[in-house]
Amino acid sequence: MSSNVDHPDPEKVKEITGIEPAECPGRDETLSAIQNHKRDSLKKIVTVEKNSLPDKSQIEAEKRASVSDE
């Protein structure tokens, strides 16, 4: 990989001073919302597994079925 990047001339680059980095109010609001969230307001849910993987007996039955079809 070649490094054909044009680097600026350090003598021509001006240094910017006196500017503070921008604050991120969205981050502070998000953290505050997470900290003040009421867990008791959440509903209790039950998750049911719909697509389970086959067990060994099902795999063996499928193998036997495919061999007998050939």
N, C-alpha and C. Protein backbone atom coordinates (compact mmCIF):
# COMPACT_ATOMS: atom_id res chain seq x y z
N MET A 1 0.85 -1.17 0.00
CA MET A 1 0.00 0.00 0.00
C MET A 1 0.90 1.23 0.00
N SER A 2 0.70 2.09 -0.95
CA SER A 2 1.54 3.28 -1.02
C SER A 2 0.91 4.43 -0.25
N SER A 3 1.75 5.31 0.20
CA SER A 3 1.25 6.46 0.95
C SER A 3 1.36 7.71 0.09
N ASN A 4 0.37 7.92 -0.75
CA ASN A 4 0.33 9.08 -1.63
C ASN A 4 -0.56 10.16 -1.06
N VAL A 5 -0.44 10.40 0.23
CA VAL A 5 -1.27 11.39 0.90
C VAL A 5 -0.53 12.72 0.91
N ASP A 6 -1.23 13.77 0.50
CA ASP A 6 -0.63 15.10 0.53
C ASP A 6 -0.73 15.65 1.94
N HIS A 7 0.40 15.87 2.57
CA HIS A 7 0.41 16.44 3.92
C HIS A 7 0.53 17.95 3.81
N PRO A 8 -0.23 18.68 4.61
CA PRO A 8 -0.15 20.14 4.55
C PRO A 8 1.20 20.65 5.05
N ASP A 9 1.59 21.77 4.52
CA ASP A 9 2.84 22.40 4.95
C ASP A 9 2.62 22.97 6.35
N PRO A 10 3.39 22.51 7.37
CA PRO A 10 3.17 22.98 8.74
C PRO A 10 3.30 24.49 8.90
N GLU A 11 4.05 25.14 8.04
CA GLU A 11 4.22 26.59 8.14
C GLU A 11 2.97 27.33 7.66
N LYS A 12 2.17 26.70 6.81
CA LYS A 12 0.98 27.34 6.26
C LYS A 12 -0.28 27.04 7.07
N VAL A 13 -0.19 26.09 8.00
CA VAL A 13 -1.36 25.71 8.79
C VAL A 13 -1.48 26.64 9.99
N LYS A 14 -2.67 27.24 10.15
CA LYS A 14 -2.89 28.11 11.30
C LYS A 14 -3.46 27.30 12.44
N GLU A 15 -3.00 27.59 13.65
CA GLU A 15 -3.52 26.93 14.83
C GLU A 15 -4.73 27.71 15.33
N ILE A 16 -5.81 27.01 15.60
CA ILE A 16 -7.02 27.64 16.08
C ILE A 16 -7.02 27.57 17.60
N THR A 17 -7.16 28.71 18.24
CA THR A 17 -7.17 28.74 19.70
C THR A 17 -8.42 29.46 20.19
N GLY A 18 -8.81 29.18 21.41
CA GLY A 18 -9.92 29.87 22.03
C GLY A 18 -11.29 29.30 21.71
N ILE A 19 -11.35 28.19 21.02
CA ILE A 19 -12.63 27.59 20.69
C ILE A 19 -12.78 26.31 21.52
N GLU A 20 -13.86 26.25 22.26
CA GLU A 20 -14.14 25.07 23.08
C GLU A 20 -14.84 24.02 22.22
N PRO A 21 -14.60 22.75 22.48
CA PRO A 21 -15.31 21.72 21.72
C PRO A 21 -16.81 21.79 21.99
N ALA A 22 -17.60 21.45 21.01
CA ALA A 22 -19.06 21.50 21.15
C ALA A 22 -19.52 20.49 22.18
N GLU A 23 -20.44 20.91 23.02
CA GLU A 23 -21.00 20.00 24.01
C GLU A 23 -22.04 19.12 23.33
N CYS A 24 -22.34 18.04 23.96
CA CYS A 24 -23.30 17.10 23.39
C CYS A 24 -24.51 17.01 24.32
N PRO A 25 -25.49 17.93 24.19
CA PRO A 25 -26.63 17.89 25.10
C PRO A 25 -27.47 16.64 24.94
N GLY A 26 -27.51 16.07 23.76
CA GLY A 26 -28.28 14.86 23.53
C GLY A 26 -27.79 13.71 24.38
N ARG A 27 -26.49 13.62 24.56
CA ARG A 27 -25.91 12.55 25.37
C ARG A 27 -26.31 12.72 26.82
N ASP A 28 -26.24 13.94 27.32
CA ASP A 28 -26.61 14.20 28.72
C ASP A 28 -28.09 13.90 28.96
N GLU A 29 -28.93 14.28 28.01
CA GLU A 29 -30.36 14.00 28.14
C GLU A 29 -30.63 12.50 28.13
N THR A 30 -29.91 11.79 27.30
CA THR A 30 -30.08 10.34 27.22
C THR A 30 -29.67 9.68 28.52
N LEU A 31 -28.51 10.06 29.05
CA LEU A 31 -28.04 9.49 30.32
C LEU A 31 -29.00 9.80 31.45
N SER A 32 -29.53 11.01 31.48
CA SER A 32 -30.48 11.40 32.51
C SER A 32 -31.76 10.57 32.40
N ALA A 33 -32.24 10.36 31.18
CA ALA A 33 -33.45 9.57 30.98
C ALA A 33 -33.25 8.13 31.43
N ILE A 34 -32.08 7.58 31.18
CA ILE A 34 -31.79 6.21 31.59
C ILE A 34 -31.73 6.11 33.11
N GLN A 35 -31.08 7.07 33.74
CA GLN A 35 -30.94 7.04 35.20
C GLN A 35 -32.28 7.23 35.91
N ASN A 36 -33.16 8.03 35.34
CA ASN A 36 -34.43 8.35 36.00
C ASN A 36 -35.59 7.46 35.54
N HIS A 37 -35.31 6.45 34.74
CA HIS A 37 -36.38 5.58 34.24
C HIS A 37 -36.94 4.72 35.37
N LYS A 38 -38.27 4.59 35.38
CA LYS A 38 -38.94 3.79 36.41
C LYS A 38 -39.13 2.37 35.89
N ARG A 39 -38.43 1.43 36.48
CA ARG A 39 -38.51 0.04 36.03
C ARG A 39 -39.87 -0.58 36.30
N ASP A 40 -40.54 -0.14 37.34
CA ASP A 40 -41.84 -0.74 37.66
C ASP A 40 -42.92 -0.37 36.64
N SER A 41 -42.64 0.56 35.74
CA SER A 41 -43.62 0.92 34.71
C SER A 41 -43.56 -0.04 33.52
N LEU A 42 -42.56 -0.92 33.49
CA LEU A 42 -42.45 -1.87 32.39
C LEU A 42 -43.42 -3.03 32.58
N LYS A 43 -43.92 -3.56 31.47
CA LYS A 43 -44.82 -4.70 31.52
C LYS A 43 -44.00 -5.99 31.54
N LYS A 44 -44.52 -6.98 32.21
CA LYS A 44 -43.89 -8.30 32.25
C LYS A 44 -44.25 -9.03 30.95
N ILE A 45 -43.24 -9.58 30.27
CA ILE A 45 -43.51 -10.32 29.04
C ILE A 45 -42.91 -11.71 29.14
N VAL A 46 -43.43 -12.60 28.32
CA VAL A 46 -42.94 -13.97 28.26
C VAL A 46 -42.49 -14.21 26.82
N THR A 47 -41.28 -14.72 26.67
CA THR A 47 -40.74 -15.00 25.35
C THR A 47 -40.83 -16.50 25.09
N VAL A 48 -41.37 -16.86 23.94
CA VAL A 48 -41.50 -18.26 23.57
C VAL A 48 -40.64 -18.52 22.34
N GLU A 49 -39.81 -19.56 22.42
CA GLU A 49 -38.96 -19.91 21.29
C GLU A 49 -39.81 -20.56 20.21
N LYS A 50 -39.79 -20.00 19.01
CA LYS A 50 -40.64 -20.49 17.94
C LYS A 50 -39.91 -21.44 16.99
N ASN A 51 -38.68 -21.14 16.67
CA ASN A 51 -37.92 -21.95 15.71
C ASN A 51 -36.75 -22.61 16.42
N SER A 52 -37.01 -23.76 17.02
CA SER A 52 -35.93 -24.45 17.72
C SER A 52 -35.17 -25.33 16.74
N LEU A 53 -33.93 -25.60 17.05
CA LEU A 53 -33.11 -26.46 16.21
C LEU A 53 -33.50 -27.92 16.43
N PRO A 54 -33.33 -28.75 15.42
CA PRO A 54 -33.70 -30.16 15.58
C PRO A 54 -32.73 -30.87 16.54
N ASP A 55 -33.26 -31.87 17.25
CA ASP A 55 -32.38 -32.65 18.12
C ASP A 55 -31.77 -33.80 17.32
N LYS A 56 -30.93 -34.61 17.97
CA LYS A 56 -30.21 -35.67 17.26
C LYS A 56 -31.14 -36.67 16.60
N SER A 57 -32.22 -37.04 17.27
CA SER A 57 -33.13 -38.03 16.69
C SER A 57 -33.81 -37.50 15.43
N GLN A 58 -34.14 -36.23 15.40
CA GLN A 58 -34.76 -35.63 14.21
C GLN A 58 -33.75 -35.57 13.06
N ILE A 59 -32.50 -35.29 13.36
CA ILE A 59 -31.45 -35.24 12.33
C ILE A 59 -31.25 -36.63 11.74
N GLU A 60 -31.16 -37.64 12.60
CA GLU A 60 -30.98 -39.01 12.13
C GLU A 60 -32.17 -39.45 11.27
N ALA A 61 -33.39 -39.13 11.67
CA ALA A 61 -34.57 -39.49 10.90
C ALA A 61 -34.54 -38.82 9.53
N GLU A 62 -34.11 -37.58 9.47
CA GLU A 62 -34.01 -36.86 8.20
C GLU A 62 -32.95 -37.50 7.31
N LYS A 63 -31.82 -37.91 7.89
CA LYS A 63 -30.77 -38.57 7.11
C LYS A 63 -31.28 -39.89 6.54
N ARG A 64 -31.99 -40.67 7.37
CA ARG A 64 -32.52 -41.95 6.91
C ARG A 64 -33.55 -41.74 5.79
N ALA A 65 -34.36 -40.72 5.91
CA ALA A 65 -35.37 -40.43 4.90
C ALA A 65 -34.72 -40.03 3.58
N SER A 66 -33.64 -39.25 3.63
CA SER A 66 -32.98 -38.81 2.40
C SER A 66 -32.23 -39.96 1.74
N VAL A 67 -31.69 -40.90 2.53
CA VAL A 67 -30.98 -42.06 1.97
C VAL A 67 -31.98 -43.00 1.31
N SER A 68 -33.13 -43.21 1.91
CA SER A 68 -34.13 -44.13 1.35
C SER A 68 -34.78 -43.56 0.10
N ASP A 69 -34.77 -42.23 -0.07
CA ASP A 69 -35.36 -41.60 -1.25
C ASP A 69 -34.46 -41.77 -2.47
N GLU A 70 -33.18 -42.00 -2.27
CA GLU A 70 -32.23 -42.08 -3.39
C GLU A 70 -32.21 -43.40 -4.04
